C-alpha cells in the first residue's frame, strides 16, 4: 500500500466521531442511533471499496450526514409504493387490483388501533365466529342462506371442493377448465382438494346429456366455472346453471359455480358489459357460489362462498378453513365495502372501482386538454406529445374482450428509437410517486381513466 492510498484510508472518520457531528442530531432523532450507526458502517465500507478499486474517496465523504440521510431514506422506503396507474388497466393485478373505498380504509384503521370483537360474542361474552357479520350482510344482499370468507377466490374454490367432494368426482365442461393468473389451473385446484376431475363436452360445445352421462355413484359435484378471463364465439353451446340445478336435483348431486370476479350489481345500468351476479345464481337454486372480493366487488383480496346453510356449515367445519381464513383487516375492509351496497343509489360515488369503470370518456378528454400544454413545453424537444383516444380494459380476468373508451397522452420519440421510450418510462418509474404507463405502437401511453389527481401527476412529470 503506497502512502497516497494509506492517506485516503486515514481520512475515513470513525463511527463515534461521525455520530457526534452536530448535523447528525436530526438523523438520530428520526432514525435512532442503531440505524444511523449501521448506515455509517456501510458507508465506510463503500468508501474503502472505492479507494481499493479507484484510489479515491467517494464525493459524498464531504458530507456524511447527507449520505446517511439518502441511504436510510432509500432503505426505509416501503416495498408497497403508491404509483399512478396510467396503464389502461383498472383492476391491475400487479398494482393491487381494486382501490378501497374511504369507508373501508377508515374501518381498517380503526381495527388496527383497537381490540375488536373478531371472535367475541358480546351477548354471551363467549366465543363467536369471525364470519358472522360478513355472512349476515352477504345473505341480505344476495338471498343466500349462509356465507364463508377466506383469503382469496382460489382458496374459496379449493376449500369448497375439499369439503363437498373430496375423494369423489367433480364434473366440469372442458370449455370451462380455465387457467387463473400465475398458472393456477382449475384441474390443479381439483387435485389439491382431493377430487377427481371428470371432463365433459368439448372446448366449444357442452350439452346437458354430457353431464347426465358422466354422473355415477362416485359423483360428488356438478360444477360450472365462469370463463371470466376469456371468451369463445361462434359455434358454441353451454348449459346454464338453472338447467344444471334441475339435473342435480333429479340425480341428488349438488351444483356449484365459480364466478371468479363476481359482481353484486347489474353493471349494465352504468353502461358496462353484463356480468353474472351471485344473487341470480342463488335464486336459480345453485348450492354454492364462489367469487372474489377484490375484483368487480371493489373490496379487499378475499374469497367468498355463498350457499345453502347445510353446505356452508360443512365448509366451515373443514380443517382447511382455519388455514385459509381471512384476518381482521380483510374482514373489516370487506364489511365496510359490503355496507356500501346497502345504498345502491350512492354506490357509483362511494366505490372507487365502480367510479373508475363507469367514467365517461369526456372526463379523460378534459384532463388531457389541461395537461398537454405544460407537458409539451417540458418534453416537446424530444417527444411529440399528443392527445389520443384509446381503450381501457377492466383487468384481473374480468370481461376480457370488453373495452372502455378513454383518452391518453402519448409520447412519440422524435428520433424514433425504442430505447428513448424505454428511458422515459424508466425515468417515470423512478419518480417519488412512480408513473406507470404502457409502451405500444412506438409510443408511451398514459391512459387517464384511473387518474383522479392531475395536479400531483403534473408536479411529478415536471420535476
Protein backbone atom coordinates (compact mmCIF):
# COMPACT_ATOMS: atom_id res chain seq x y z
CA UNK A 1 0.00 0.00 0.00
CA UNK A 2 1.51 3.33 -1.07
CA UNK A 3 1.43 6.48 1.02
CA UNK A 4 -1.33 8.10 -1.02
CA UNK A 5 -3.66 5.12 -0.56
CA UNK A 6 -2.85 4.92 3.14
CA UNK A 7 -3.63 8.63 3.46
CA UNK A 8 -7.04 8.12 1.82
CA UNK A 9 -7.95 5.33 4.24
CA UNK A 10 -6.96 7.54 7.17
CA UNK A 11 -9.43 10.19 6.00
CA UNK A 12 -12.41 7.93 6.73
CA UNK A 13 -13.69 9.13 10.14
CA UNK A 14 -14.54 6.72 12.95
CA UNK A 15 -18.22 5.98 13.56
CA UNK A 16 -18.17 7.53 17.06
CA UNK A 17 -16.75 10.75 15.70
CA UNK A 18 -19.36 10.90 12.95
CA UNK A 19 -22.20 10.24 15.41
CA UNK A 20 -21.13 13.28 17.44
CA UNK A 21 -21.29 15.67 14.50
CA UNK A 22 -23.99 18.36 15.06
CA UNK A 23 -25.53 17.66 11.65
CA UNK A 24 -26.26 14.07 12.75
CA UNK A 25 -28.63 15.19 15.53
CA UNK A 26 -31.70 15.32 13.32
CA UNK A 27 -30.98 11.90 11.84
CA UNK A 28 -30.50 10.39 15.30
CA UNK A 29 -33.87 11.77 16.38
CA UNK A 30 -35.59 10.45 13.24
CA UNK A 31 -33.98 7.03 12.87
CA UNK A 32 -32.31 6.22 16.21
CA UNK A 33 -28.65 5.52 16.93
CA UNK A 34 -28.68 1.86 15.85
CA UNK A 35 -29.81 2.53 12.27
CA UNK A 36 -27.61 5.61 11.85
CA UNK A 37 -24.53 3.76 13.11
CA UNK A 38 -25.31 0.80 10.84
CA UNK A 39 -25.60 3.14 7.87
CA UNK A 40 -22.29 4.80 8.72
CA UNK A 41 -20.53 1.44 8.86
CA UNK A 42 -21.97 0.51 5.47
CA UNK A 43 -20.84 3.83 4.01
CA UNK A 44 -17.39 3.38 5.48
CA UNK A 45 -17.15 0.01 3.76
CA UNK A 46 -18.25 1.57 0.46
CA UNK A 47 -15.58 4.25 0.87
CA UNK A 48 -12.90 1.60 1.45
CA UNK A 49 -14.01 -0.27 -1.66
CA UNK A 50 -13.84 2.95 -3.71
CA UNK A 51 -10.28 3.53 -2.50
CA UNK A 52 -9.27 -0.04 -3.24
CA UNK A 53 -10.74 -0.02 -6.75
CA UNK A 54 -10.16 3.58 -7.88
CA UNK A 55 -7.70 5.05 -5.37
CA UNK A 56 -10.07 7.87 -4.40
CA UNK A 57 -12.71 8.78 -1.84
CA UNK A 58 -16.38 8.97 -2.90
CA UNK A 59 -17.66 12.52 -3.36
CA UNK A 60 -20.19 12.10 -0.55
CA UNK A 61 -17.37 11.81 2.00
CA UNK A 62 -17.50 15.62 2.08
CA UNK A 63 -21.00 15.39 3.64
CA UNK A 64 -21.56 12.23 5.69
CA UNK A 65 -24.89 13.42 7.11
CA UNK A 66 -26.44 13.80 3.66
CA UNK A 67 -25.03 10.42 2.62
CA UNK A 68 -26.63 8.79 5.68
CA UNK A 69 -29.94 10.53 5.03
CA UNK A 70 -30.02 9.34 1.41
CA UNK A 71 -29.01 5.82 2.41
CA UNK A 72 -31.63 5.49 5.15
CA UNK A 73 -34.46 7.07 3.17
CA UNK A 74 -33.80 4.56 0.38
CA UNK A 75 -33.55 1.60 2.74
CA UNK A 76 -36.67 2.60 4.68
CA UNK A 77 -38.82 3.06 1.59
CA UNK A 78 -41.82 0.73 1.63
CA UNK A 79 -41.85 -2.13 -0.84
CA UNK A 80 -45.53 -1.35 -1.44
CA UNK A 81 -45.07 2.04 -3.07
CA UNK A 82 -48.02 4.18 -4.26
CA UNK A 83 -48.00 4.76 -8.02
CA UNK A 84 -50.04 6.50 -10.70
CA UNK A 85 -51.78 3.69 -12.57
CA UNK A 86 -51.96 5.05 -16.12
CA UNK A 87 -51.53 1.62 -17.68
CA UNK A 88 -55.08 1.48 -19.02
CA UNK A 89 -55.99 -1.49 -16.80
CA UNK A 90 -58.33 -0.54 -13.96
CA UNK A 91 -58.08 -3.74 -11.89
CA UNK A 92 -54.37 -4.29 -12.44
CA UNK A 93 -53.24 -7.43 -10.58
CA UNK A 94 -49.62 -6.29 -10.35
CA UNK A 95 -50.73 -2.91 -8.99
CA UNK A 96 -53.02 -4.27 -6.27
CA UNK A 97 -56.35 -4.53 -8.12
CA UNK A 98 -59.25 -2.61 -6.51
CA UNK A 99 -58.74 0.69 -4.71
CA UNK A 100 -60.58 0.55 -1.39
CA UNK A 101 -63.39 2.95 -0.55
CA UNK A 102 -62.73 5.57 2.11
CA UNK A 103 -65.21 3.81 4.39
CA UNK A 104 -63.15 0.62 4.14
CA UNK A 105 -59.89 2.47 4.79
CA UNK A 106 -61.33 4.11 7.89
CA UNK A 107 -62.69 0.79 9.15
CA UNK A 108 -59.32 -0.93 8.70
CA UNK A 109 -57.55 1.89 10.53
CA UNK A 110 -59.99 1.56 13.44
CA UNK A 111 -59.49 -2.20 13.63
CA UNK A 112 -55.70 -1.73 13.60
CA UNK A 113 -55.85 0.69 16.54
CA UNK A 114 -58.25 -1.21 18.78
CA UNK A 115 -59.07 -4.60 20.21
CA UNK A 116 -62.15 -5.78 18.32
CA UNK A 117 -64.85 -8.45 18.53
CA UNK A 118 -63.24 -10.66 15.90
CA UNK A 119 -64.35 -13.88 17.59
CA UNK A 120 -66.07 -12.50 20.68
CA UNK A 121 -69.81 -12.61 21.30
CA UNK A 122 -70.87 -9.51 23.22
CA UNK A 123 -74.26 -11.01 24.08
CA UNK A 124 -72.90 -14.08 25.79
CA UNK A 125 -69.31 -12.89 26.39
CA UNK A 126 -68.17 -16.13 24.79
CA UNK A 127 -66.50 -17.08 21.54
CA UNK A 128 -68.23 -16.03 18.36
CA UNK A 129 -67.45 -16.76 14.69
CA UNK A 130 -65.38 -14.31 12.67
CA UNK A 131 -67.51 -14.73 9.54
CA UNK A 132 -70.86 -13.92 11.20
CA UNK A 133 -71.11 -10.20 10.44
CA UNK A 134 -69.99 -10.63 6.83
CA UNK A 135 -72.25 -13.65 6.38
CA UNK A 136 -75.31 -11.71 7.55
CA UNK A 137 -74.50 -8.86 5.15
CA UNK A 138 -73.96 -11.17 2.20
CA UNK A 139 -77.18 -13.04 2.93
CA UNK A 140 -79.06 -9.75 2.99
CA UNK A 141 -77.54 -8.64 -0.31
CA UNK A 142 -77.78 -11.95 -2.18
CA UNK A 143 -80.54 -14.02 -0.63
CA UNK A 144 -78.15 -16.83 0.29
CA UNK A 145 -78.71 -18.83 3.47
CA UNK A 146 -75.11 -18.56 4.66
CA UNK A 147 -71.62 -17.47 3.64
CA UNK A 148 -67.97 -18.27 4.31
CA UNK A 149 -64.98 -15.94 3.90
CA UNK A 150 -61.39 -16.97 3.07
CA UNK A 151 -58.29 -15.15 1.86
CA UNK A 152 -58.86 -15.32 -1.92
CA UNK A 153 -61.11 -16.94 -4.51
CA UNK A 154 -58.67 -19.72 -5.37
CA UNK A 155 -58.79 -20.67 -1.68
CA UNK A 156 -62.59 -20.48 -1.76
CA UNK A 157 -62.76 -22.93 -4.67
CA UNK A 158 -60.26 -25.32 -3.10
CA UNK A 159 -62.00 -25.28 0.29
CA UNK A 160 -65.40 -25.80 -1.28
CA UNK A 161 -64.16 -28.76 -3.31
CA UNK A 162 -62.34 -30.30 -0.36
CA UNK A 163 -65.37 -30.03 1.91
CA UNK A 164 -68.01 -31.11 -0.60
CA UNK A 165 -66.36 -33.56 -2.96
CA UNK A 166 -63.03 -34.85 -1.56
CA UNK A 167 -62.43 -38.40 -2.81
CA UNK A 168 -65.25 -38.02 -5.33
CA UNK A 169 -65.70 -36.99 -8.94
CA UNK A 170 -66.40 -33.41 -10.00
CA UNK A 171 -67.98 -32.95 -13.41
CA UNK A 172 -66.89 -29.85 -15.37
CA UNK A 173 -67.23 -28.81 -19.00
CA UNK A 174 -63.98 -28.87 -20.97
CA UNK A 175 -64.70 -25.35 -22.12
CA UNK A 176 -64.55 -24.14 -18.50
CA UNK A 177 -61.21 -25.55 -17.38
CA UNK A 178 -59.67 -22.12 -17.07
CA UNK A 179 -56.21 -21.07 -16.02
CA UNK A 180 -56.17 -18.24 -13.49
CA UNK A 181 -53.26 -15.79 -13.17
CA UNK A 182 -49.92 -17.25 -12.16
CA UNK A 183 -50.56 -20.55 -13.99
CA UNK A 184 -53.11 -21.62 -11.33
CA UNK A 185 -55.43 -24.01 -13.15
CA UNK A 186 -58.81 -25.48 -12.25
CA UNK A 187 -57.52 -29.09 -12.68
CA UNK A 188 -54.67 -28.28 -10.27
CA UNK A 189 -57.13 -26.94 -7.70
CA UNK A 190 -59.20 -30.12 -8.08
CA UNK A 191 -56.16 -32.29 -7.50
CA UNK A 192 -55.07 -30.35 -4.42
CA UNK A 193 -58.59 -30.62 -3.00
CA UNK A 194 -58.52 -34.40 -3.36
CA UNK A 195 -61.15 -34.53 -6.13
CA UNK A 196 -61.17 -36.42 -9.40
CA UNK A 197 -61.91 -34.20 -12.38
CA UNK A 198 -64.35 -35.56 -14.96
CA UNK A 199 -64.31 -33.51 -18.17
CA UNK A 200 -67.43 -33.46 -20.33
CA UNK A 201 -68.31 -31.99 -23.71
CA UNK A 202 -65.78 -30.20 -25.88
CA UNK A 203 -63.95 -26.90 -25.75
CA UNK A 204 -66.74 -25.05 -27.56
CA UNK A 205 -69.87 -27.19 -27.02
CA UNK A 206 -71.24 -28.97 -23.95
CA UNK A 207 -74.79 -30.30 -23.60
CA UNK A 208 -76.96 -31.41 -20.69
CA UNK A 209 -76.67 -35.01 -21.84
CA UNK A 210 -72.89 -34.79 -21.37
CA UNK A 211 -73.39 -34.03 -17.68
CA UNK A 212 -76.09 -36.69 -17.26
CA UNK A 213 -73.96 -39.39 -18.88
CA UNK A 214 -70.99 -38.52 -16.65
CA UNK A 215 -72.84 -38.83 -13.32
CA UNK A 216 -72.19 -42.02 -11.35
CA UNK A 217 -72.25 -43.19 -7.76
CA UNK A 218 -68.84 -41.55 -7.38
CA UNK A 219 -70.03 -38.08 -8.46
CA UNK A 220 -69.76 -35.52 -5.67
CA UNK A 221 -70.44 -32.26 -7.54
CA UNK A 222 -71.59 -30.72 -10.80
CA UNK A 223 -69.55 -27.58 -11.31
CA UNK A 224 -69.73 -24.54 -13.55
CA UNK A 225 -66.75 -22.19 -13.96
CA UNK A 226 -67.45 -18.74 -15.36
CA UNK A 227 -64.92 -18.07 -18.11
CA UNK A 228 -64.28 -14.54 -16.92
CA UNK A 229 -60.78 -14.29 -18.41
CA UNK A 230 -61.50 -15.46 -21.97
CA UNK A 231 -64.42 -15.72 -24.38
CA UNK A 232 -65.33 -18.17 -27.13
CA UNK A 233 -67.58 -17.08 -30.00
CA UNK A 234 -69.09 -18.89 -32.95
CA UNK A 235 -70.33 -22.48 -32.90
CA UNK A 236 -70.84 -22.82 -29.17
CA UNK A 237 -73.21 -24.38 -26.65
CA UNK A 238 -73.26 -24.38 -22.87
CA UNK A 239 -75.61 -25.49 -20.11
CA UNK A 240 -76.82 -22.70 -17.82
CA UNK A 241 -76.99 -23.04 -14.05
CA UNK A 242 -80.77 -23.29 -13.82
CA UNK A 243 -80.84 -26.28 -16.16
CA UNK A 244 -77.92 -27.91 -14.37
CA UNK A 245 -79.64 -27.41 -10.99
CA UNK A 246 -82.70 -29.29 -12.31
CA UNK A 247 -80.45 -32.18 -13.28
CA UNK A 248 -78.64 -32.05 -9.96
CA UNK A 249 -81.90 -32.21 -8.02
CA UNK A 250 -83.05 -35.15 -10.13
CA UNK A 251 -79.83 -37.09 -9.54
CA UNK A 252 -79.17 -35.95 -5.97
CA UNK A 253 -75.89 -34.15 -6.80
CA UNK A 254 -75.09 -30.61 -5.57
CA UNK A 255 -74.27 -27.86 -8.08
CA UNK A 256 -71.60 -25.18 -7.63
CA UNK A 257 -70.46 -22.19 -9.70
CA UNK A 258 -67.15 -20.35 -9.55
CA UNK A 259 -67.77 -16.82 -10.83
CA UNK A 260 -64.18 -15.61 -10.45
CA UNK A 261 -64.80 -11.86 -10.40
CA UNK A 262 -68.37 -11.68 -9.20
CA UNK A 263 -70.47 -8.51 -9.27
CA UNK A 264 -73.27 -7.75 -6.82
CA UNK A 265 -74.91 -5.20 -9.13
CA UNK A 266 -76.18 -5.10 -12.69
CA UNK A 267 -73.25 -3.38 -14.40
CA UNK A 268 -75.35 -2.57 -17.46
CA UNK A 269 -77.10 0.25 -15.58
CA UNK A 270 -73.70 2.01 -15.54
CA UNK A 271 -73.06 1.45 -19.23
CA UNK A 272 -70.78 -1.52 -18.59
CA UNK A 273 -70.97 -5.06 -20.01
CA UNK A 274 -73.17 -7.55 -18.16
CA UNK A 275 -71.58 -9.93 -15.68
CA UNK A 276 -73.37 -12.82 -13.87
CA UNK A 277 -74.43 -11.94 -10.33
CA UNK A 278 -74.23 -14.32 -7.35
CA UNK A 279 -77.76 -13.49 -6.20
CA UNK A 280 -79.22 -14.63 -9.51
CA UNK A 281 -77.42 -17.96 -9.26
CA UNK A 282 -78.58 -18.43 -5.67
CA UNK A 283 -82.14 -17.67 -6.77
CA UNK A 284 -81.83 -20.29 -9.53
CA UNK A 285 -81.02 -22.93 -6.90
CA UNK A 286 -77.23 -23.26 -7.18
CA UNK A 287 -75.99 -24.82 -3.94
CA UNK A 288 -72.67 -22.95 -3.73
CA UNK A 289 -71.24 -19.87 -5.46
CA UNK A 290 -67.66 -18.61 -5.13
CA UNK A 291 -66.19 -15.25 -6.18
CA UNK A 292 -63.54 -12.64 -5.36
CA UNK A 293 -63.75 -9.65 -3.06
CA UNK A 294 -61.07 -7.56 -4.79
CA UNK A 295 -62.20 -7.50 -8.40
CA UNK A 296 -65.59 -6.23 -9.54
CA UNK A 297 -66.84 -6.20 -5.95
CA UNK A 298 -64.31 -3.43 -5.28
CA UNK A 299 -63.12 -4.63 -1.87
CA UNK A 300 -60.01 -6.29 -0.39
CA UNK A 301 -58.47 -9.53 -1.56
CA UNK A 302 -60.82 -12.19 -0.27
CA UNK A 303 -62.69 -15.30 -1.36
CA UNK A 304 -66.43 -15.54 -0.77
CA UNK A 305 -68.52 -18.72 -0.70
CA UNK A 306 -72.31 -18.33 -0.71
CA UNK A 307 -74.83 -21.09 -0.48
CA UNK A 308 -77.17 -23.28 1.49
CA UNK A 309 -76.74 -23.44 5.25
CA UNK A 310 -76.08 -27.19 5.08
CA UNK A 311 -73.10 -26.92 2.75
CA UNK A 312 -71.66 -23.74 4.28
CA UNK A 313 -71.68 -25.31 7.76
CA UNK A 314 -69.84 -28.31 6.34
CA UNK A 315 -67.28 -26.00 4.73
CA UNK A 316 -66.83 -24.04 7.97
CA UNK A 317 -66.02 -27.27 9.85
CA UNK A 318 -63.35 -28.39 7.37
CA UNK A 319 -59.77 -28.28 8.75
CA UNK A 320 -58.59 -26.22 5.76
CA UNK A 321 -60.85 -23.33 6.78
CA UNK A 322 -58.52 -22.34 9.60
CA UNK A 323 -55.53 -22.27 7.24
CA UNK A 324 -57.41 -20.22 4.64
CA UNK A 325 -59.48 -17.93 6.84
CA UNK A 326 -59.35 -14.15 6.44
CA UNK A 327 -57.75 -11.87 9.04
CA UNK A 328 -59.38 -8.97 10.84
CA UNK A 329 -58.11 -6.31 8.41
CA UNK A 330 -59.60 -8.14 5.43
CA UNK A 331 -62.89 -8.69 7.25
CA UNK A 332 -63.06 -5.04 8.31
CA UNK A 333 -62.48 -3.80 4.76
CA UNK A 334 -64.92 -6.31 3.28
CA UNK A 335 -67.65 -5.43 5.78
CA UNK A 336 -67.31 -1.70 5.07
CA UNK A 337 -67.35 -2.34 1.31
CA UNK A 338 -70.46 -4.51 1.50
CA UNK A 339 -72.28 -1.88 3.57
CA UNK A 340 -71.86 0.50 0.63
CA UNK A 341 -74.02 -1.88 -1.41
CA UNK A 342 -76.86 -1.27 1.04
CA UNK A 343 -77.07 2.22 -0.51
CA UNK A 344 -77.04 1.40 -4.24
CA UNK A 345 -78.07 4.93 -5.23
CA UNK A 346 -74.75 6.22 -3.84
CA UNK A 347 -72.54 3.35 -4.96
CA UNK A 348 -71.06 4.99 -8.06
CA UNK A 349 -69.75 7.84 -5.93
CA UNK A 350 -68.58 5.83 -2.91
CA UNK A 351 -66.95 2.77 -4.57
CA UNK A 352 -63.70 3.63 -6.43
CA UNK A 353 -63.81 0.58 -8.70
CA UNK A 354 -67.27 1.40 -9.99
CA UNK A 355 -66.42 5.09 -10.25
CA UNK A 356 -63.35 4.43 -12.40
CA UNK A 357 -65.03 1.83 -14.57
CA UNK A 358 -68.08 3.98 -15.28
CA UNK A 359 -66.32 7.30 -16.02
CA UNK A 360 -67.38 8.91 -19.25
CA UNK A 361 -64.58 9.33 -21.77
CA UNK A 362 -65.21 13.09 -21.83
CA UNK A 363 -63.73 13.33 -18.31
CA UNK A 364 -60.42 11.93 -19.52
CA UNK A 365 -60.51 14.15 -22.60
CA UNK A 366 -60.88 17.27 -20.44
CA UNK A 367 -57.99 16.19 -18.21
CA UNK A 368 -55.82 15.54 -21.24
CA UNK A 369 -56.52 19.02 -22.62
CA UNK A 370 -55.48 20.56 -19.28
CA UNK A 371 -52.27 18.54 -19.07
CA UNK A 372 -50.94 18.62 -22.60
CA UNK A 373 -49.57 22.19 -22.84
CA UNK A 374 -47.18 22.05 -19.83
CA UNK A 375 -46.10 18.55 -20.86
CA UNK A 376 -45.38 19.68 -24.42
CA UNK A 377 -43.30 22.51 -23.02
CA UNK A 378 -41.36 20.09 -20.81
CA UNK A 379 -40.89 17.18 -23.22
CA UNK A 380 -41.51 18.70 -26.67
CA UNK A 381 -37.86 18.80 -27.72
CA UNK A 382 -37.52 15.01 -27.56
CA UNK A 383 -41.10 13.78 -27.97
CA UNK A 384 -44.23 14.53 -29.95
CA UNK A 385 -46.81 14.84 -27.16
CA UNK A 386 -50.40 14.26 -28.28
CA UNK A 387 -53.91 13.51 -27.04
CA UNK A 388 -55.30 10.29 -28.47
CA UNK A 389 -58.45 8.20 -27.92
CA UNK A 390 -57.78 4.76 -26.53
CA UNK A 391 -59.50 1.74 -25.00
CA UNK A 392 -59.00 0.83 -21.34
CA UNK A 393 -59.56 -2.67 -20.02
CA UNK A 394 -61.22 -3.79 -16.80
CA UNK A 395 -58.45 -6.23 -15.84
CA UNK A 396 -57.85 -9.12 -13.44
CA UNK A 397 -59.56 -11.54 -15.81
CA UNK A 398 -62.85 -9.62 -15.74
CA UNK A 399 -64.71 -9.16 -19.04
CA UNK A 400 -61.57 -9.81 -21.11
CA UNK A 401 -62.90 -8.84 -24.54
CA UNK A 402 -64.72 -5.70 -23.46
CA UNK A 403 -63.03 -2.30 -23.60
CA UNK A 404 -63.82 1.10 -22.09
CA UNK A 405 -63.44 4.24 -24.25
CA UNK A 406 -60.85 6.60 -22.78
CA UNK A 407 -58.24 9.21 -23.66
CA UNK A 408 -54.48 9.11 -23.27
CA UNK A 409 -51.47 11.36 -23.53
CA UNK A 410 -48.95 9.80 -25.88
CA UNK A 411 -45.22 10.42 -26.19
CA UNK A 412 -43.57 9.52 -29.50
CA UNK A 413 -39.76 9.93 -29.64
CA UNK A 414 -38.50 12.37 -32.27
CA UNK A 415 -35.58 10.06 -33.01
CA UNK A 416 -37.95 7.08 -33.48
CA UNK A 417 -35.85 4.91 -31.20
CA UNK A 418 -37.37 2.43 -28.79
CA UNK A 419 -34.53 2.97 -26.33
CA UNK A 420 -35.61 6.58 -25.95
CA UNK A 421 -39.10 5.46 -24.95
CA UNK A 422 -37.74 2.88 -22.53
CA UNK A 423 -35.53 5.53 -20.93
CA UNK A 424 -38.53 7.82 -20.43
CA UNK A 425 -40.63 5.02 -18.94
CA UNK A 426 -37.75 4.09 -16.64
CA UNK A 427 -37.32 7.71 -15.55
CA UNK A 428 -41.01 7.97 -14.65
CA UNK A 429 -40.88 4.70 -12.73
CA UNK A 430 -38.11 6.27 -10.63
CA UNK A 431 -40.17 9.29 -9.53
CA UNK A 432 -41.12 9.82 -5.88
CA UNK A 433 -44.56 8.56 -6.91
CA UNK A 434 -43.86 6.39 -9.96
CA UNK A 435 -45.90 6.83 -13.12
CA UNK A 436 -46.88 3.55 -14.79
CA UNK A 437 -47.89 3.78 -18.45
CA UNK A 438 -47.63 1.34 -21.34
CA UNK A 439 -45.49 1.24 -24.48
CA UNK A 440 -47.42 0.39 -27.60
CA UNK A 441 -47.15 1.20 -31.32
CA UNK A 442 -43.92 3.13 -30.83
CA UNK A 443 -45.38 5.45 -28.20
CA UNK A 444 -45.59 5.70 -24.44
CA UNK A 445 -49.27 5.91 -23.49
CA UNK A 446 -50.61 7.47 -20.29
CA UNK A 447 -54.24 6.33 -20.15
CA UNK A 448 -56.07 8.82 -17.91
CA UNK A 449 -59.02 6.60 -16.87
CA UNK A 450 -57.59 5.95 -13.39
CA UNK A 451 -56.20 9.46 -12.85
CA UNK A 452 -58.00 11.47 -10.16
CA UNK A 453 -55.24 13.86 -9.01
CA UNK A 454 -53.93 15.52 -12.15
CA UNK A 455 -52.10 18.25 -10.22
CA UNK A 456 -49.98 15.67 -8.40
CA UNK A 457 -49.22 13.89 -11.68
CA UNK A 458 -48.19 17.13 -13.34
CA UNK A 459 -45.95 18.03 -10.41
CA UNK A 460 -44.16 14.70 -10.74
CA UNK A 461 -43.75 14.79 -14.51
CA UNK A 462 -42.47 18.37 -14.49
CA UNK A 463 -39.94 17.78 -11.71
